[in-house]
Amino acid sequence: QVQLVESGGGWVQPGGSLRLSCVASETIYSGYWMGWYRQAPGKERELVARIRSGRDPDYGDSVQGRFTISRDNAKKMVYLRMNRLKPEDTAVYYCNDRRDGINYWGKGTRVTVSS
């Protein structure tokens, strides 16, 4: 059972930046996908970004060019750098670890973008 804990959410004005962090309880392997998803009120959970060794990261269309995902396997960490935030980025952001066909999720960290 992999446990994931997110941090770094909060309130930010439009155009601002935040960095989200996720720490895993178990070793994370380069060959496994790790990523960030988000869910806004009244909407379905959607992919924000995911990363795996040997491939370019995948990004949701709405965050392409603004967000950057990275990982540090030694520290069991995944990060999401979010720049030029927009009100429509407001959501709960969830860390995801997919291994052996099983999805593990954190409890989420809330990001609010408003003036």
C-alpha atoms as a PDB file:
ATOM      1  CA  GLN A   1       0.000   0.000   0.000  1.00  0.00           C
ATOM      2  CA  VAL A   2       1.569   3.236  -1.162  1.00  0.00           C
ATOM      3  CA  GLN A   3       0.690   6.380   0.756  1.00  0.00           C
ATOM      4  CA  LEU A   4       1.036   9.756  -0.865  1.00  0.00           C
ATOM      5  CA  VAL A   5       1.000  13.094   0.914  1.00  0.00           C
ATOM      6  CA  GLU A   6       0.643  16.353  -0.968  1.00  0.00           C
ATOM      7  CA  SER A   7       1.633  19.815   0.203  1.00  0.00           C
ATOM      8  CA  GLY A   8       2.122  23.301  -1.156  1.00  0.00           C
ATOM      9  CA  GLY A   9      -1.422  24.310  -1.997  1.00  0.00           C
ATOM     10  CA  GLY A  10      -2.951  27.593  -0.970  1.00  0.00           C
ATOM     11  CA  TRP A  11      -4.328  30.855  -2.236  1.00  0.00           C
ATOM     12  CA  VAL A  12      -2.607  32.839  -4.964  1.00  0.00           C
ATOM     13  CA  GLN A  13      -3.555  35.738  -7.173  1.00  0.00           C
ATOM     14  CA  PRO A  14      -3.972  35.277 -10.932  1.00  0.00           C
ATOM     15  CA  GLY A  15      -0.583  35.290 -12.625  1.00  0.00           C
ATOM     16  CA  GLY A  16       1.139  33.943  -9.539  1.00  0.00           C
ATOM     17  CA  SER A  17       3.030  30.730  -8.954  1.00  0.00           C
ATOM     18  CA  LEU A  18       2.943  27.768  -6.609  1.00  0.00           C
ATOM     19  CA  ARG A  19       4.930  24.584  -6.241  1.00  0.00           C
ATOM     20  CA  LEU A  20       3.190  21.435  -5.117  1.00  0.00           C
ATOM     21  CA  SER A  21       5.084  18.550  -3.560  1.00  0.00           C
ATOM     22  CA  CYS A  22       4.157  14.931  -3.055  1.00  0.00           C
ATOM     23  CA  VAL A  23       6.055  12.440  -0.931  1.00  0.00           C
ATOM     24  CA  ALA A  24       5.535   8.694  -1.258  1.00  0.00           C
ATOM     25  CA  SER A  25       5.792   6.185   1.565  1.00  0.00           C
ATOM     26  CA  GLU A  26       7.419   3.612  -0.700  1.00  0.00           C
ATOM     27  CA  THR A  27      10.247   3.672  -3.173  1.00  0.00           C
ATOM     28  CA  ILE A  28       9.222   5.202  -6.454  1.00  0.00           C
ATOM     29  CA  TYR A  29      10.628   3.662  -9.586  1.00  0.00           C
ATOM     30  CA  SER A  30      11.516   5.533 -12.725  1.00  0.00           C
ATOM     31  CA  GLY A  31       9.513   3.133 -14.849  1.00  0.00           C
ATOM     32  CA  TYR A  32       6.281   3.871 -13.063  1.00  0.00           C
ATOM     33  CA  TRP A  33       4.028   6.764 -13.891  1.00  0.00           C
ATOM     34  CA  MET A  34       3.656   9.424 -11.258  1.00  0.00           C
ATOM     35  CA  GLY A  35       1.503  12.419 -11.791  1.00  0.00           C
ATOM     36  CA  TRP A  36      -0.850  15.122 -10.701  1.00  0.00           C
ATOM     37  CA  TYR A  37      -4.568  15.275 -11.286  1.00  0.00           C
ATOM     38  CA  ARG A  38      -7.065  17.896 -10.240  1.00  0.00           C
ATOM     39  CA  GLN A  39     -10.742  18.164  -9.563  1.00  0.00           C
ATOM     40  CA  ALA A  40     -12.669  21.399  -9.593  1.00  0.00           C
ATOM     41  CA  PRO A  41     -16.106  21.735  -7.979  1.00  0.00           C
ATOM     42  CA  GLY A  42     -18.745  20.076 -10.117  1.00  0.00           C
ATOM     43  CA  LYS A  43     -16.192  18.655 -12.534  1.00  0.00           C
ATOM     44  CA  GLU A  44     -14.525  15.327 -13.088  1.00  0.00           C
ATOM     45  CA  ARG A  45     -10.965  14.637 -12.057  1.00  0.00           C
ATOM     46  CA  GLU A  46      -8.568  15.414 -14.896  1.00  0.00           C
ATOM     47  CA  LEU A  47      -4.944  14.835 -15.707  1.00  0.00           C
ATOM     48  CA  VAL A  48      -2.667  17.776 -15.040  1.00  0.00           C
ATOM     49  CA  ALA A  49       0.697  16.158 -15.683  1.00  0.00           C
ATOM     50  CA  ARG A  50       2.459  12.820 -15.394  1.00  0.00           C
ATOM     51  CA  ILE A  51       6.014  11.671 -15.716  1.00  0.00           C
ATOM     52  CA  ARG A  52       7.930   8.462 -16.326  1.00  0.00           C
ATOM     53  CA  SER A  53      11.504   7.774 -17.327  1.00  0.00           C
ATOM     54  CA  GLY A  54      12.214   7.379 -21.010  1.00  0.00           C
ATOM     55  CA  ARG A  55       9.306   9.516 -22.085  1.00  0.00           C
ATOM     56  CA  ASP A  56       8.475  13.168 -22.304  1.00  0.00           C
ATOM     57  CA  PRO A  57       6.045  14.235 -19.583  1.00  0.00           C
ATOM     58  CA  ASP A  58       2.374  14.414 -20.494  1.00  0.00           C
ATOM     59  CA  TYR A  59       0.467  17.599 -19.738  1.00  0.00           C
ATOM     60  CA  GLY A  60      -3.171  18.514 -19.899  1.00  0.00           C
ATOM     61  CA  ASP A  61      -3.912  20.915 -22.721  1.00  0.00           C
ATOM     62  CA  SER A  62      -4.952  23.692 -20.378  1.00  0.00           C
ATOM     63  CA  VAL A  63      -1.663  23.708 -18.448  1.00  0.00           C
ATOM     64  CA  GLN A  64       0.804  23.046 -21.283  1.00  0.00           C
ATOM     65  CA  GLY A  65       3.570  25.636 -21.177  1.00  0.00           C
ATOM     66  CA  ARG A  66       2.649  26.878 -17.700  1.00  0.00           C
ATOM     67  CA  PHE A  67       3.158  23.860 -15.454  1.00  0.00           C
ATOM     68  CA  THR A  68       6.227  21.657 -15.061  1.00  0.00           C
ATOM     69  CA  ILE A  69       6.326  18.243 -13.434  1.00  0.00           C
ATOM     70  CA  SER A  70       9.489  16.744 -11.991  1.00  0.00           C
ATOM     71  CA  ARG A  71      10.491  13.925  -9.695  1.00  0.00           C
ATOM     72  CA  ASP A  72      13.305  12.963  -7.367  1.00  0.00           C
ATOM     73  CA  ASN A  73      13.299   9.208  -6.957  1.00  0.00           C
ATOM     74  CA  ALA A  74      15.923   9.234  -4.221  1.00  0.00           C
ATOM     75  CA  LYS A  75      13.721  11.486  -2.102  1.00  0.00           C
ATOM     76  CA  LYS A  76      10.515   9.723  -3.185  1.00  0.00           C
ATOM     77  CA  MET A  77       9.157  13.092  -4.265  1.00  0.00           C
ATOM     78  CA  VAL A  78       7.151  14.431  -7.184  1.00  0.00           C
ATOM     79  CA  TYR A  79       6.744  18.134  -7.793  1.00  0.00           C
ATOM     80  CA  LEU A  80       4.469  20.354  -9.812  1.00  0.00           C
ATOM     81  CA  ARG A  81       5.622  23.855 -10.564  1.00  0.00           C
ATOM     82  CA  MET A  82       2.664  26.016 -11.568  1.00  0.00           C
ATOM     83  CA  ASN A  83       3.260  29.381 -13.200  1.00  0.00           C
ATOM     84  CA  ARG A  84       0.922  32.021 -14.589  1.00  0.00           C
ATOM     85  CA  LEU A  85      -1.947  30.605 -12.606  1.00  0.00           C
ATOM     86  CA  LYS A  86      -5.484  31.349 -13.703  1.00  0.00           C
ATOM     87  CA  PRO A  87      -8.775  31.294 -11.792  1.00  0.00           C
ATOM     88  CA  GLU A  88      -9.732  28.189 -13.762  1.00  0.00           C
ATOM     89  CA  ASP A  89      -6.789  26.369 -12.174  1.00  0.00           C
ATOM     90  CA  THR A  90      -8.681  26.443  -8.881  1.00  0.00           C
ATOM     91  CA  ALA A  91      -9.147  22.841  -7.775  1.00  0.00           C
ATOM     92  CA  VAL A  92      -8.017  20.147  -5.397  1.00  0.00           C
ATOM     93  CA  TYR A  93      -4.790  18.674  -6.724  1.00  0.00           C
ATOM     94  CA  TYR A  94      -4.099  14.994  -6.192  1.00  0.00           C
ATOM     95  CA  CYS A  95      -0.848  13.117  -6.428  1.00  0.00           C
ATOM     96  CA  ASN A  96      -1.025   9.802  -8.276  1.00  0.00           C
ATOM     97  CA  ASP A  97       1.249   6.797  -8.320  1.00  0.00           C
ATOM     98  CA  ARG A  98       0.427   4.059 -10.798  1.00  0.00           C
ATOM     99  CA  ARG A  99       2.246   0.773 -10.366  1.00  0.00           C
ATOM    100  CA  ASP A 100       1.380  -2.761 -11.399  1.00  0.00           C
ATOM    101  CA  GLY A 101      -1.943  -1.559 -12.741  1.00  0.00           C
ATOM    102  CA  ILE A 102      -3.011  -0.030  -9.434  1.00  0.00           C
ATOM    103  CA  ASN A 103      -3.633   3.665  -8.882  1.00  0.00           C
ATOM    104  CA  TYR A 104      -2.689   5.170  -5.553  1.00  0.00           C
ATOM    105  CA  TRP A 105      -3.942   8.611  -4.567  1.00  0.00           C
ATOM    106  CA  GLY A 106      -3.146  11.190  -1.969  1.00  0.00           C
ATOM    107  CA  LYS A 107      -5.833  13.123  -0.123  1.00  0.00           C
ATOM    108  CA  GLY A 108      -5.217  16.232  -2.158  1.00  0.00           C
ATOM    109  CA  THR A 109      -4.130  19.806  -1.623  1.00  0.00           C
ATOM    110  CA  ARG A 110      -6.369  22.731  -2.465  1.00  0.00           C
ATOM    111  CA  VAL A 111      -5.293  25.483  -4.821  1.00  0.00           C
ATOM    112  CA  THR A 112      -7.341  28.650  -5.044  1.00  0.00           C
ATOM    113  CA  VAL A 113      -6.575  31.285  -7.651  1.00  0.00           C
ATOM    114  CA  SER A 114      -8.468  34.510  -7.187  1.00  0.00           C
ATOM    115  CA  SER A 115      -8.024  38.207  -6.749  1.00  0.00           C
END
